[in-house]
Amino acid sequence: MNESTGHTCAPPVVLVHGWGSTYERTWGGSDLERNLEQDGRRIIRVDLLGHGTSRAPHESAEYAHMADELAAHLPADTVVDGVGFSLGGKLLLQLACAQPQRFRRLVIAGVGDNLLRPENGAAVAQSLHAGITDDTAAALRPVLAEALASGNDPQALAAAIQRPPSLLTADQLHAIGAEILLAVGDLDVIAGAADQVSAAIPHLTGLVLDGVDHVSTPHSPRLQAQAAQFLQHRRAAPPEVPTAMRAHPG
C-alpha cells in the first residue's frame, strides 16, 4: 500500500483496481488521481491480494477474505471515500454492507447485476492458463489481455478468480448507508444490466458510460471527471444521469 498525505478535512480516498490489474495500471497517473491530489485529498493506494506488490498465494482458499484484506489498509479511526473498479468495487460494497459506518461516498465502476451472481472463475482460470485462442469467449478477451499484460503472477490470478464465493443479497445492499455513484459502460457485457443492484441500494446515482466496455471503464474520461465531482467534500449537485440504468450487451 502507498499513501499520500492530504491537507484537507475531507475523508481519505481509497482507490481499488479490478481483477488481473494493479493500482498503477488502473489509477496511477490518472486524471482522477491528479484531481484528488489537487483537492488535497489523502489517497490510499491499494494492490489487492494476489496483485501488484501484495503477496500472491496460489491457493484459492487464501482469497476467501479479500474484503477483510482490503479493510486492513483503511484507517480505523475515520470514515473514508472510495473508488473501486470491478472486483475492487465488489469488495468495497462488501465492506459497505458489513461496516456501513466506515464509508461516506463510494464510486463503484464496472459492477452491475453480476454482483449478485457467482463468478465463472474456473472458466476464466482455464482461459488464463491456455492464453487467448480462437475458442476464447469474445467478452473475456480484453479482460484476459489486461491480466496477461499486467505482470501479475498467473497462478495467483487464477486462485483469486476461483476464491470461495461471498455473494451479496438485495437485503444486504439495502443496508448500505454511503452515497453511491454506480457507473457501468453500455458495452460492458461483464457487468451487464444494473437494474437489481440499483433498486437495492438506497442512496444511489446511476451513470451510464456511452461507448465504453468493461476494461475501458476505469480509463473513461467521463467516469474520472464524474467521480472527482462526486467525491468533492461539498458538491453542489449530483451528475445529471438517467434515473434508471441498463448496460446493453454489444
Protein backbone atom coordinates (compact mmCIF):
# COMPACT_ATOMS: atom_id res chain seq x y z
CA MET A 1 0.00 0.00 0.00
CA ASN A 2 1.11 3.52 -0.80
CA GLU A 3 -0.46 6.56 0.81
CA SER A 4 -0.27 10.28 0.10
CA THR A 5 -0.65 12.95 2.77
CA GLY A 6 -3.57 15.28 2.20
CA HIS A 7 -4.19 18.77 3.50
CA THR A 8 -7.95 18.89 3.78
CA CYS A 9 -10.52 17.85 6.35
CA ALA A 10 -12.30 15.73 3.72
CA PRO A 11 -12.13 11.96 4.21
CA PRO A 12 -9.26 9.99 2.70
CA VAL A 13 -9.98 8.19 -0.57
CA VAL A 14 -9.10 4.56 -1.25
CA LEU A 15 -8.64 3.66 -4.93
CA VAL A 16 -9.03 -0.03 -5.77
CA HIS A 17 -8.33 -1.79 -9.08
CA GLY A 18 -10.04 -4.83 -10.60
CA TRP A 19 -9.05 -8.46 -11.02
CA GLY A 20 -5.93 -9.01 -13.09
CA SER A 21 -4.63 -5.46 -12.88
CA THR A 22 -2.76 -3.27 -10.37
CA TYR A 23 -3.16 0.13 -8.81
CA GLU A 24 -0.63 1.67 -11.18
CA ARG A 25 -2.21 0.23 -14.33
CA THR A 26 -5.68 1.36 -13.30
CA TRP A 27 -5.38 4.61 -11.35
CA GLY A 28 -1.70 5.59 -11.41
CA GLY A 29 -1.21 8.93 -13.18
CA SER A 30 -4.91 9.20 -13.99
CA ASP A 31 -6.91 12.41 -14.11
CA LEU A 32 -8.82 11.15 -11.09
CA GLU A 33 -5.65 10.70 -9.06
CA ARG A 34 -4.40 14.15 -10.08
CA ASN A 35 -7.74 15.81 -9.27
CA LEU A 36 -7.84 14.22 -5.84
CA GLU A 37 -4.28 15.34 -5.14
CA GLN A 38 -5.09 18.87 -6.29
CA ASP A 39 -8.08 18.87 -3.93
CA GLY A 40 -5.74 17.99 -1.09
CA ARG A 41 -7.20 14.54 -0.57
CA ARG A 42 -5.25 11.82 1.18
CA ILE A 43 -5.13 8.88 -1.25
CA ILE A 44 -4.84 5.27 -0.12
CA ARG A 45 -3.35 3.26 -2.99
CA VAL A 46 -4.03 -0.46 -2.73
CA ASP A 47 -2.85 -3.51 -4.64
CA LEU A 48 -5.30 -6.30 -3.90
CA LEU A 49 -4.15 -9.68 -2.61
CA GLY A 50 -2.55 -11.60 -5.49
CA HIS A 51 -1.88 -8.43 -7.47
CA GLY A 52 0.91 -5.92 -7.89
CA THR A 53 3.11 -5.52 -4.82
CA SER A 54 0.87 -7.56 -2.49
CA ARG A 55 1.59 -11.16 -1.55
CA ALA A 56 0.43 -13.66 -4.16
CA PRO A 57 -0.63 -17.03 -2.74
CA HIS A 58 -1.54 -19.82 -5.16
CA GLU A 59 -4.37 -21.41 -3.13
CA SER A 60 -7.89 -20.13 -3.79
CA ALA A 61 -8.82 -20.52 -0.11
CA GLU A 62 -6.31 -17.78 0.69
CA TYR A 63 -8.57 -15.34 -1.16
CA ALA A 64 -11.73 -16.12 0.82
CA HIS A 65 -11.41 -12.91 2.84
CA MET A 66 -10.22 -10.39 0.25
CA ALA A 67 -12.59 -7.75 1.62
CA ASP A 68 -11.01 -8.09 5.06
CA GLU A 69 -7.55 -7.79 3.49
CA LEU A 70 -8.70 -4.56 1.85
CA ALA A 71 -10.19 -3.30 5.12
CA ALA A 72 -6.79 -3.71 6.79
CA HIS A 73 -5.49 -0.89 4.56
CA LEU A 74 -8.14 1.56 5.75
CA PRO A 75 -7.79 3.87 8.75
CA ALA A 76 -9.67 2.58 11.76
CA ASP A 77 -10.43 5.99 13.22
CA THR A 78 -12.15 7.83 10.36
CA VAL A 79 -14.68 7.38 7.59
CA VAL A 80 -13.36 7.09 4.05
CA ASP A 81 -14.47 7.63 0.48
CA GLY A 82 -13.61 5.07 -2.16
CA VAL A 83 -13.42 4.27 -5.85
CA GLY A 84 -13.45 0.65 -6.93
CA PHE A 85 -13.45 -0.93 -10.37
CA SER A 86 -14.89 -4.41 -10.99
CA LEU A 87 -13.52 -6.71 -8.27
CA GLY A 88 -12.38 -3.64 -6.34
CA GLY A 89 -15.91 -2.27 -6.48
CA LYS A 90 -17.39 -5.58 -5.33
CA LEU A 91 -15.06 -5.66 -2.34
CA LEU A 92 -15.90 -2.08 -1.38
CA LEU A 93 -19.60 -2.94 -1.49
CA GLN A 94 -18.99 -5.99 0.70
CA LEU A 95 -17.30 -3.75 3.26
CA ALA A 96 -20.02 -1.11 2.98
CA CYS A 97 -22.60 -3.79 3.81
CA ALA A 98 -20.63 -5.21 6.73
CA GLN A 99 -19.30 -1.91 8.11
CA PRO A 100 -21.62 0.87 6.86
CA GLN A 101 -20.22 3.38 9.33
CA ARG A 102 -16.81 3.34 7.61
CA PHE A 103 -17.85 4.92 4.30
CA ARG A 104 -19.23 8.27 3.19
CA ARG A 105 -19.24 8.15 -0.62
CA LEU A 106 -18.27 5.33 -2.97
CA VAL A 107 -17.79 5.29 -6.73
CA ILE A 108 -18.39 1.75 -8.00
CA ALA A 109 -17.45 1.19 -11.64
CA GLY A 110 -17.82 -1.85 -13.88
CA VAL A 111 -20.20 -3.62 -11.48
CA GLY A 112 -23.80 -4.42 -12.33
CA ASP A 113 -26.15 -7.26 -11.51
CA ASN A 114 -23.19 -9.62 -11.87
CA LEU A 115 -22.59 -8.62 -8.23
CA LEU A 116 -25.49 -10.92 -7.30
CA ARG A 117 -24.30 -13.92 -9.35
CA PRO A 118 -21.37 -16.34 -8.89
CA GLU A 119 -18.31 -15.62 -10.99
CA ASN A 120 -17.38 -18.20 -13.63
CA GLY A 121 -13.96 -18.44 -12.07
CA ALA A 122 -13.00 -21.89 -13.33
CA ALA A 123 -13.56 -20.92 -16.97
CA VAL A 124 -11.61 -17.68 -16.55
CA ALA A 125 -8.73 -19.51 -14.87
CA GLN A 126 -8.66 -22.11 -17.64
CA SER A 127 -8.54 -19.38 -20.27
CA LEU A 128 -5.82 -17.59 -18.33
CA HIS A 129 -3.63 -20.71 -18.38
CA ALA A 130 -4.37 -21.50 -22.05
CA GLY A 131 -3.91 -17.94 -23.25
CA ILE A 132 -6.14 -16.19 -25.74
CA THR A 133 -7.15 -18.58 -28.53
CA ASP A 134 -9.83 -18.78 -31.20
CA ASP A 135 -12.01 -20.54 -28.63
CA THR A 136 -11.77 -17.76 -26.04
CA ALA A 137 -15.11 -16.04 -25.46
CA ALA A 138 -15.16 -12.58 -27.01
CA ALA A 139 -16.24 -10.95 -23.75
CA LEU A 140 -13.23 -12.42 -21.93
CA ARG A 141 -10.54 -11.47 -24.44
CA PRO A 142 -9.93 -7.87 -23.29
CA VAL A 143 -10.02 -8.94 -19.63
CA LEU A 144 -7.52 -11.73 -20.22
CA ALA A 145 -5.30 -9.47 -22.33
CA GLU A 146 -5.13 -6.99 -19.45
CA ALA A 147 -4.37 -9.74 -16.94
CA LEU A 148 -1.65 -11.28 -19.11
CA ALA A 149 -0.03 -7.87 -19.70
CA SER A 150 -0.15 -6.79 -16.07
CA GLY A 151 2.96 -8.56 -14.84
CA ASN A 152 0.94 -10.34 -12.16
CA ASP A 153 1.52 -14.00 -11.28
CA PRO A 154 -0.95 -16.00 -13.42
CA GLN A 155 -1.27 -18.71 -10.76
CA ALA A 156 -2.19 -16.10 -8.16
CA LEU A 157 -4.73 -14.54 -10.52
CA ALA A 158 -6.26 -17.96 -11.19
CA ALA A 159 -6.52 -18.60 -7.46
CA ALA A 160 -8.10 -15.19 -6.86
CA ILE A 161 -10.79 -15.62 -9.51
CA GLN A 162 -11.63 -19.07 -8.08
CA ARG A 163 -11.90 -17.83 -4.49
CA PRO A 164 -14.81 -19.10 -2.36
CA PRO A 165 -17.97 -17.17 -3.25
CA SER A 166 -19.19 -14.36 -0.99
CA LEU A 167 -22.32 -13.18 -2.76
CA LEU A 168 -24.31 -10.21 -1.53
CA THR A 169 -28.09 -10.12 -1.36
CA ALA A 170 -30.50 -7.29 -2.09
CA ASP A 171 -31.31 -7.07 1.63
CA GLN A 172 -27.64 -6.60 2.47
CA LEU A 173 -27.25 -3.91 -0.18
CA HIS A 174 -30.28 -2.09 1.20
CA ALA A 175 -28.37 -1.57 4.47
CA ILE A 176 -25.61 0.47 2.80
CA GLY A 177 -25.60 3.98 4.22
CA ALA A 178 -22.98 5.54 1.95
CA GLU A 179 -23.86 7.58 -1.12
CA ILE A 180 -23.05 5.50 -4.19
CA LEU A 181 -22.22 6.50 -7.76
CA LEU A 182 -22.64 3.34 -9.84
CA ALA A 183 -21.03 3.63 -13.29
CA VAL A 184 -21.43 1.00 -16.00
CA GLY A 185 -20.45 1.17 -19.66
CA ASP A 186 -23.23 0.50 -22.13
CA LEU A 187 -20.93 -2.01 -23.89
CA ASP A 188 -19.94 -3.77 -20.64
CA VAL A 189 -21.08 -7.36 -21.07
CA ILE A 190 -19.17 -8.41 -17.93
CA ALA A 191 -21.12 -6.17 -15.54
CA GLY A 192 -24.30 -6.39 -17.62
CA ALA A 193 -27.50 -4.73 -16.50
CA ALA A 194 -27.58 -2.90 -13.17
CA ASP A 195 -31.32 -2.83 -12.52
CA GLN A 196 -31.41 -5.12 -9.47
CA VAL A 197 -28.41 -3.52 -7.80
CA SER A 198 -29.71 -0.03 -8.50
CA ALA A 199 -33.06 -0.91 -6.93
CA ALA A 200 -31.45 -2.43 -3.84
CA ILE A 201 -29.02 0.35 -2.83
CA PRO A 202 -30.91 3.27 -1.27
CA HIS A 203 -28.61 6.25 -1.89
CA LEU A 204 -27.52 5.52 -5.45
CA THR A 205 -26.91 7.64 -8.52
CA GLY A 206 -26.54 5.73 -11.79
CA LEU A 207 -24.14 6.69 -14.54
CA VAL A 208 -24.18 5.05 -17.98
CA LEU A 209 -20.91 5.45 -19.90
CA ASP A 210 -21.71 5.55 -23.61
CA GLY A 211 -19.46 3.52 -25.89
CA VAL A 212 -17.46 2.05 -23.00
CA ASP A 213 -16.76 -1.65 -22.42
CA HIS A 214 -15.58 -3.33 -19.22
CA VAL A 215 -11.82 -2.94 -19.50
CA SER A 216 -12.15 0.66 -20.73
CA THR A 217 -14.36 1.71 -17.82
CA PRO A 218 -11.75 2.97 -15.31
CA HIS A 219 -9.99 4.94 -18.06
CA SER A 220 -13.15 6.70 -19.23
CA PRO A 221 -12.64 10.49 -19.02
CA ARG A 222 -16.31 10.90 -18.14
CA LEU A 223 -16.06 8.41 -15.29
CA GLN A 224 -12.97 10.08 -13.88
CA ALA A 225 -14.50 13.56 -14.08
CA GLN A 226 -17.80 12.49 -12.52
CA ALA A 227 -16.02 10.51 -9.83
CA ALA A 228 -13.89 13.50 -8.85
CA GLN A 229 -17.00 15.69 -8.69
CA PHE A 230 -18.96 13.13 -6.70
CA LEU A 231 -16.18 12.81 -4.14
CA GLN A 232 -15.78 16.52 -3.55
CA HIS A 233 -16.19 17.37 0.12
CA ARG A 234 -19.00 19.77 -0.74
CA ARG A 235 -20.58 19.29 -4.14
CA ALA A 236 -23.37 21.47 -5.45
CA ALA A 237 -25.39 18.89 -7.36
CA PRO A 238 -25.16 15.26 -8.44
CA PRO A 239 -24.19 14.43 -12.01
CA GLU A 240 -27.04 14.62 -14.49
CA VAL A 241 -27.60 10.97 -15.30
CA PRO A 242 -30.53 8.67 -16.02
CA THR A 243 -32.60 7.59 -13.04
CA ALA A 244 -32.75 4.06 -14.43
CA MET A 245 -29.72 2.42 -15.93
CA ARG A 246 -29.01 -0.64 -18.02
CA ALA A 247 -25.85 -1.78 -19.75
CA HIS A 248 -26.75 -3.28 -23.11
CA PRO A 249 -24.56 -6.09 -24.46
CA GLY A 250 -22.98 -5.36 -27.78
